[in-house]
Amino acid sequence: MSLKWTDTLDIAIELAETHTEVDPQYVRFTDLHAWVCALDEFDDDPNHSNEKILEAIQMAWIDEAD
């Protein structure tokens, strides 16, 4: 499975499993971007993200954490 920036829910699930000790509500977008790019399954251009995409990933991660 290959993750792209548009796979916000799948990315959120991976982040929730990888960073279990983190409260996603308080993650800075710079850290979020780095963590997404570091996922083994992530296969997209790091420069193709933006604030809207990162916010969508963060919101999905918050939903997963609940």
PDB file of N, CA and C in Angstrom:
ATOM      1  N   MET A   1       0.841  -1.175   0.000  1.00  0.00           N
ATOM      2  CA  MET A   1       0.000   0.000   0.000  1.00  0.00           C
ATOM      3  C   MET A   1       0.887   1.240   0.000  1.00  0.00           C
ATOM      4  N   SER A   2       0.562   2.168  -0.838  1.00  0.00           N
ATOM      5  CA  SER A   2       1.311   3.406  -0.964  1.00  0.00           C
ATOM      6  C   SER A   2       0.428   4.573  -0.536  1.00  0.00           C
ATOM      7  N   LEU A   3       0.932   5.407   0.355  1.00  0.00           N
ATOM      8  CA  LEU A   3       0.148   6.533   0.856  1.00  0.00           C
ATOM      9  C   LEU A   3       0.503   7.817   0.123  1.00  0.00           C
ATOM     10  N   LYS A   4      -0.518   8.556  -0.235  1.00  0.00           N
ATOM     11  CA  LYS A   4      -0.381   9.876  -0.857  1.00  0.00           C
ATOM     12  C   LYS A   4      -0.993  10.902   0.094  1.00  0.00           C
ATOM     13  N   TRP A   5      -0.710  12.178  -0.145  1.00  0.00           N
ATOM     14  CA  TRP A   5      -1.256  13.228   0.708  1.00  0.00           C
ATOM     15  C   TRP A   5      -2.779  13.173   0.788  1.00  0.00           C
ATOM     16  N   THR A   6      -3.430  12.700  -0.240  1.00  0.00           N
ATOM     17  CA  THR A   6      -4.897  12.652  -0.256  1.00  0.00           C
ATOM     18  C   THR A   6      -5.472  11.521   0.593  1.00  0.00           C
ATOM     19  N   ASP A   7      -4.647  10.617   1.050  1.00  0.00           N
ATOM     20  CA  ASP A   7      -5.083   9.490   1.880  1.00  0.00           C
ATOM     21  C   ASP A   7      -5.101   9.885   3.357  1.00  0.00           C
ATOM     22  N   THR A   8      -5.855  10.930   3.668  1.00  0.00           N
ATOM     23  CA  THR A   8      -5.791  11.512   5.006  1.00  0.00           C
ATOM     24  C   THR A   8      -6.171  10.524   6.106  1.00  0.00           C
ATOM     25  N   LEU A   9      -7.208   9.750   5.914  1.00  0.00           N
ATOM     26  CA  LEU A   9      -7.625   8.805   6.958  1.00  0.00           C
ATOM     27  C   LEU A   9      -6.585   7.711   7.164  1.00  0.00           C
ATOM     28  N   ASP A  10      -6.066   7.155   6.092  1.00  0.00           N
ATOM     29  CA  ASP A  10      -5.051   6.103   6.216  1.00  0.00           C
ATOM     30  C   ASP A  10      -3.783   6.644   6.876  1.00  0.00           C
ATOM     31  N   ILE A  11      -3.407   7.861   6.525  1.00  0.00           N
ATOM     32  CA  ILE A  11      -2.239   8.486   7.155  1.00  0.00           C
ATOM     33  C   ILE A  11      -2.508   8.682   8.644  1.00  0.00           C
ATOM     34  N   ALA A  12      -3.704   9.160   8.982  1.00  0.00           N
ATOM     35  CA  ALA A  12      -4.056   9.380  10.391  1.00  0.00           C
ATOM     36  C   ALA A  12      -3.985   8.086  11.180  1.00  0.00           C
ATOM     37  N   ILE A  13      -4.455   6.997  10.605  1.00  0.00           N
ATOM     38  CA  ILE A  13      -4.405   5.694  11.279  1.00  0.00           C
ATOM     39  C   ILE A  13      -2.958   5.283  11.517  1.00  0.00           C
ATOM     40  N   GLU A  14      -2.123   5.442  10.505  1.00  0.00           N
ATOM     41  CA  GLU A  14      -0.704   5.102  10.649  1.00  0.00           C
ATOM     42  C   GLU A  14      -0.039   5.952  11.727  1.00  0.00           C
ATOM     43  N   LEU A  15      -0.345   7.243  11.750  1.00  0.00           N
ATOM     44  CA  LEU A  15       0.235   8.131  12.761  1.00  0.00           C
ATOM     45  C   LEU A  15      -0.242   7.756  14.160  1.00  0.00           C
ATOM     46  N   ALA A  16      -1.520   7.407  14.290  1.00  0.00           N
ATOM     47  CA  ALA A  16      -2.061   7.006  15.587  1.00  0.00           C
ATOM     48  C   ALA A  16      -1.368   5.744  16.102  1.00  0.00           C
ATOM     49  N   GLU A  17      -1.031   4.845  15.201  1.00  0.00           N
ATOM     50  CA  GLU A  17      -0.348   3.614  15.594  1.00  0.00           C
ATOM     51  C   GLU A  17       1.134   3.840  15.860  1.00  0.00           C
ATOM     52  N   THR A  18       1.720   4.797  15.174  1.00  0.00           N
ATOM     53  CA  THR A  18       3.155   5.067  15.298  1.00  0.00           C
ATOM     54  C   THR A  18       3.476   5.981  16.474  1.00  0.00           C
ATOM     55  N   HIS A  19       2.617   6.957  16.729  1.00  0.00           N
ATOM     56  CA  HIS A  19       2.865   7.962  17.772  1.00  0.00           C
ATOM     57  C   HIS A  19       1.770   7.873  18.841  1.00  0.00           C
ATOM     58  N   THR A  20       1.730   6.743  19.512  1.00  0.00           N
ATOM     59  CA  THR A  20       0.673   6.482  20.492  1.00  0.00           C
ATOM     60  C   THR A  20       0.712   7.433  21.686  1.00  0.00           C
ATOM     61  N   GLU A  21       1.879   7.980  21.987  1.00  0.00           N
ATOM     62  CA  GLU A  21       2.026   8.843  23.163  1.00  0.00           C
ATOM     63  C   GLU A  21       1.672  10.306  22.878  1.00  0.00           C
ATOM     64  N   VAL A  22       1.351  10.628  21.635  1.00  0.00           N
ATOM     65  CA  VAL A  22       1.138  12.016  21.211  1.00  0.00           C
ATOM     66  C   VAL A  22      -0.348  12.352  21.182  1.00  0.00           C
ATOM     67  N   ASP A  23      -0.682  13.531  21.705  1.00  0.00           N
ATOM     68  CA  ASP A  23      -2.039  14.059  21.576  1.00  0.00           C
ATOM     69  C   ASP A  23      -2.071  14.858  20.273  1.00  0.00           C
ATOM     70  N   PRO A  24      -2.762  14.364  19.251  1.00  0.00           N
ATOM     71  CA  PRO A  24      -2.721  15.009  17.937  1.00  0.00           C
ATOM     72  C   PRO A  24      -3.246  16.444  17.927  1.00  0.00           C
ATOM     73  N   GLN A  25      -4.003  16.800  18.932  1.00  0.00           N
ATOM     74  CA  GLN A  25      -4.546  18.155  19.002  1.00  0.00           C
ATOM     75  C   GLN A  25      -3.426  19.196  19.137  1.00  0.00           C
ATOM     76  N   TYR A  26      -2.289  18.801  19.692  1.00  0.00           N
ATOM     77  CA  TYR A  26      -1.209  19.742  19.978  1.00  0.00           C
ATOM     78  C   TYR A  26       0.011  19.576  19.072  1.00  0.00           C
ATOM     79  N   VAL A  27      -0.136  18.842  17.989  1.00  0.00           N
ATOM     80  CA  VAL A  27       0.976  18.620  17.064  1.00  0.00           C
ATOM     81  C   VAL A  27       1.126  19.832  16.137  1.00  0.00           C
ATOM     82  N   ARG A  28       2.350  20.318  16.028  1.00  0.00           N
ATOM     83  CA  ARG A  28       2.637  21.419  15.096  1.00  0.00           C
ATOM     84  C   ARG A  28       2.673  20.863  13.675  1.00  0.00           C
ATOM     85  N   PHE A  29       2.261  21.676  12.729  1.00  0.00           N
ATOM     86  CA  PHE A  29       2.236  21.227  11.341  1.00  0.00           C
ATOM     87  C   PHE A  29       3.628  20.859  10.835  1.00  0.00           C
ATOM     88  N   THR A  30       4.661  21.508  11.328  1.00  0.00           N
ATOM     89  CA  THR A  30       6.019  21.150  10.897  1.00  0.00           C
ATOM     90  C   THR A  30       6.360  19.727  11.339  1.00  0.00           C
ATOM     91  N   ASP A  31       5.971  19.380  12.570  1.00  0.00           N
ATOM     92  CA  ASP A  31       6.204  18.012  13.048  1.00  0.00           C
ATOM     93  C   ASP A  31       5.322  17.017  12.299  1.00  0.00           C
ATOM     94  N   LEU A  32       4.069  17.386  12.101  1.00  0.00           N
ATOM     95  CA  LEU A  32       3.139  16.509  11.385  1.00  0.00           C
ATOM     96  C   LEU A  32       3.663  16.202   9.985  1.00  0.00           C
ATOM     97  N   HIS A  33       4.124  17.208   9.298  1.00  0.00           N
ATOM     98  CA  HIS A  33       4.668  17.030   7.944  1.00  0.00           C
ATOM     99  C   HIS A  33       5.845  16.051   7.966  1.00  0.00           C
ATOM    100  N   ALA A  34       6.746  16.244   8.914  1.00  0.00           N
ATOM    101  CA  ALA A  34       7.916  15.370   9.004  1.00  0.00           C
ATOM    102  C   ALA A  34       7.516  13.938   9.322  1.00  0.00           C
ATOM    103  N   TRP A  35       6.549  13.756  10.219  1.00  0.00           N
ATOM    104  CA  TRP A  35       6.111  12.413  10.589  1.00  0.00           C
ATOM    105  C   TRP A  35       5.417  11.706   9.436  1.00  0.00           C
ATOM    106  N   VAL A  36       4.622  12.434   8.676  1.00  0.00           N
ATOM    107  CA  VAL A  36       3.961  11.834   7.507  1.00  0.00           C
ATOM    108  C   VAL A  36       5.020  11.383   6.507  1.00  0.00           C
ATOM    109  N   CYS A  37       5.974  12.251   6.217  1.00  0.00           N
ATOM    110  CA  CYS A  37       7.016  11.913   5.245  1.00  0.00           C
ATOM    111  C   CYS A  37       7.867  10.733   5.708  1.00  0.00           C
ATOM    112  N   ALA A  38       7.968  10.526   7.020  1.00  0.00           N
ATOM    113  CA  ALA A  38       8.779   9.436   7.571  1.00  0.00           C
ATOM    114  C   ALA A  38       8.052   8.096   7.596  1.00  0.00           C
ATOM    115  N   LEU A  39       6.747   8.087   7.341  1.00  0.00           N
ATOM    116  CA  LEU A  39       6.007   6.819   7.331  1.00  0.00           C
ATOM    117  C   LEU A  39       6.550   5.910   6.229  1.00  0.00           C
ATOM    118  N   ASP A  40       6.705   4.627   6.558  1.00  0.00           N
ATOM    119  CA  ASP A  40       7.249   3.666   5.592  1.00  0.00           C
ATOM    120  C   ASP A  40       6.422   3.600   4.309  1.00  0.00           C
ATOM    121  N   GLU A  41       5.122   3.698   4.444  1.00  0.00           N
ATOM    122  CA  GLU A  41       4.227   3.551   3.296  1.00  0.00           C
ATOM    123  C   GLU A  41       4.031   4.845   2.503  1.00  0.00           C
ATOM    124  N   PHE A  42       4.548   5.964   3.020  1.00  0.00           N
ATOM    125  CA  PHE A  42       4.332   7.240   2.349  1.00  0.00           C
ATOM    126  C   PHE A  42       5.171   7.329   1.087  1.00  0.00           C
ATOM    127  N   ASP A  43       4.501   7.630  -0.023  1.00  0.00           N
ATOM    128  CA  ASP A  43       5.171   7.684  -1.320  1.00  0.00           C
ATOM    129  C   ASP A  43       4.583   8.828  -2.145  1.00  0.00           C
ATOM    130  N   ASP A  44       4.884  10.040  -1.736  1.00  0.00           N
ATOM    131  CA  ASP A  44       4.392  11.214  -2.445  1.00  0.00           C
ATOM    132  C   ASP A  44       5.441  12.310  -2.315  1.00  0.00           C
ATOM    133  N   ASP A  45       5.282  13.348  -3.082  1.00  0.00           N
ATOM    134  CA  ASP A  45       6.217  14.466  -3.058  1.00  0.00           C
ATOM    135  C   ASP A  45       5.995  15.267  -1.769  1.00  0.00           C
ATOM    136  N   PRO A  46       7.012  15.397  -0.928  1.00  0.00           N
ATOM    137  CA  PRO A  46       6.857  16.152   0.315  1.00  0.00           C
ATOM    138  C   PRO A  46       6.426  17.604   0.093  1.00  0.00           C
ATOM    139  N   ASN A  47       6.721  18.142  -1.060  1.00  0.00           N
ATOM    140  CA  ASN A  47       6.377  19.533  -1.360  1.00  0.00           C
ATOM    141  C   ASN A  47       4.925  19.712  -1.802  1.00  0.00           C
ATOM    142  N   HIS A  48       4.184  18.641  -1.939  1.00  0.00           N
ATOM    143  CA  HIS A  48       2.792  18.733  -2.389  1.00  0.00           C
ATOM    144  C   HIS A  48       1.783  18.854  -1.251  1.00  0.00           C
ATOM    145  N   SER A  49       2.268  19.067  -0.057  1.00  0.00           N
ATOM    146  CA  SER A  49       1.345  19.268   1.062  1.00  0.00           C
ATOM    147  C   SER A  49       1.074  20.756   1.231  1.00  0.00           C
ATOM    148  N   ASN A  50       0.019  21.043   1.965  1.00  0.00           N
ATOM    149  CA  ASN A  50      -0.281  22.424   2.319  1.00  0.00           C
ATOM    150  C   ASN A  50      -1.020  22.418   3.651  1.00  0.00           C
ATOM    151  N   GLU A  51      -1.346  23.582   4.140  1.00  0.00           N
ATOM    152  CA  GLU A  51      -1.985  23.676   5.455  1.00  0.00           C
ATOM    153  C   GLU A  51      -3.329  22.952   5.488  1.00  0.00           C
ATOM    154  N   LYS A  52      -4.069  23.031   4.404  1.00  0.00           N
ATOM    155  CA  LYS A  52      -5.379  22.366   4.342  1.00  0.00           C
ATOM    156  C   LYS A  52      -5.238  20.849   4.464  1.00  0.00           C
ATOM    157  N   ILE A  53      -4.287  20.276   3.763  1.00  0.00           N
ATOM    158  CA  ILE A  53      -4.052  18.829   3.820  1.00  0.00           C
ATOM    159  C   ILE A  53      -3.596  18.418   5.210  1.00  0.00           C
ATOM    160  N   LEU A  54      -2.646  19.162   5.777  1.00  0.00           N
ATOM    161  CA  LEU A  54      -2.152  18.834   7.114  1.00  0.00           C
ATOM    162  C   LEU A  54      -3.253  18.954   8.160  1.00  0.00           C
ATOM    163  N   GLU A  55      -4.109  19.949   8.007  1.00  0.00           N
ATOM    164  CA  GLU A  55      -5.228  20.103   8.933  1.00  0.00           C
ATOM    165  C   GLU A  55      -6.202  18.932   8.819  1.00  0.00           C
ATOM    166  N   ALA A  56      -6.460  18.474   7.599  1.00  0.00           N
ATOM    167  CA  ALA A  56      -7.349  17.329   7.394  1.00  0.00           C
ATOM    168  C   ALA A  56      -6.765  16.069   8.030  1.00  0.00           C
ATOM    169  N   ILE A  57      -5.461  15.876   7.898  1.00  0.00           N
ATOM    170  CA  ILE A  57      -4.801  14.726   8.519  1.00  0.00           C
ATOM    171  C   ILE A  57      -4.902  14.828  10.039  1.00  0.00           C
ATOM    172  N   GLN A  58      -4.652  16.011  10.565  1.00  0.00           N
ATOM    173  CA  GLN A  58      -4.720  16.213  12.013  1.00  0.00           C
ATOM    174  C   GLN A  58      -6.133  15.958  12.539  1.00  0.00           C
ATOM    175  N   MET A  59      -7.137  16.430  11.844  1.00  0.00           N
ATOM    176  CA  MET A  59      -8.524  16.214  12.277  1.00  0.00           C
ATOM    177  C   MET A  59      -8.878  14.730  12.245  1.00  0.00           C
ATOM    178  N   ALA A  60      -8.442  14.034  11.208  1.00  0.00           N
ATOM    179  CA  ALA A  60      -8.706  12.594  11.123  1.00  0.00           C
ATOM    180  C   ALA A  60      -7.987  11.857  12.242  1.00  0.00           C
ATOM    181  N   TRP A  61      -6.789  12.288  12.567  1.00  0.00           N
ATOM    182  CA  TRP A  61      -6.022  11.671  13.654  1.00  0.00           C
ATOM    183  C   TRP A  61      -6.710  11.905  14.990  1.00  0.00           C
ATOM    184  N   ILE A  62      -7.225  13.107  15.211  1.00  0.00           N
ATOM    185  CA  ILE A  62      -7.967  13.401  16.437  1.00  0.00           C
ATOM    186  C   ILE A  62      -9.186  12.487  16.547  1.00  0.00           C
ATOM    187  N   ASP A  63      -9.899  12.297  15.442  1.00  0.00           N
ATOM    188  CA  ASP A  63     -11.044  11.390  15.430  1.00  0.00           C
ATOM    189  C   ASP A  63     -10.624   9.962  15.754  1.00  0.00           C
ATOM    190  N   GLU A  64      -9.484   9.526  15.232  1.00  0.00           N
ATOM    191  CA  GLU A  64      -8.989   8.180  15.494  1.00  0.00           C
ATOM    192  C   GLU A  64      -8.600   8.009  16.961  1.00  0.00           C
ATOM    193  N   ALA A  65      -8.096   9.063  17.560  1.00  0.00           N
ATOM    194  CA  ALA A  65      -7.625   8.992  18.940  1.00  0.00           C
ATOM    195  C   ALA A  65      -8.759   8.935  19.942  1.00  0.00           C
ATOM    196  N   ASP A  66      -9.951   9.359  19.546  1.00  0.00           N
ATOM    197  CA  ASP A  66     -11.103   9.367  20.461  1.00  0.00           C
ATOM    198  C   ASP A  66     -11.670   7.990  20.701  1.00  0.00           C
TER     199      ASP A  66
END
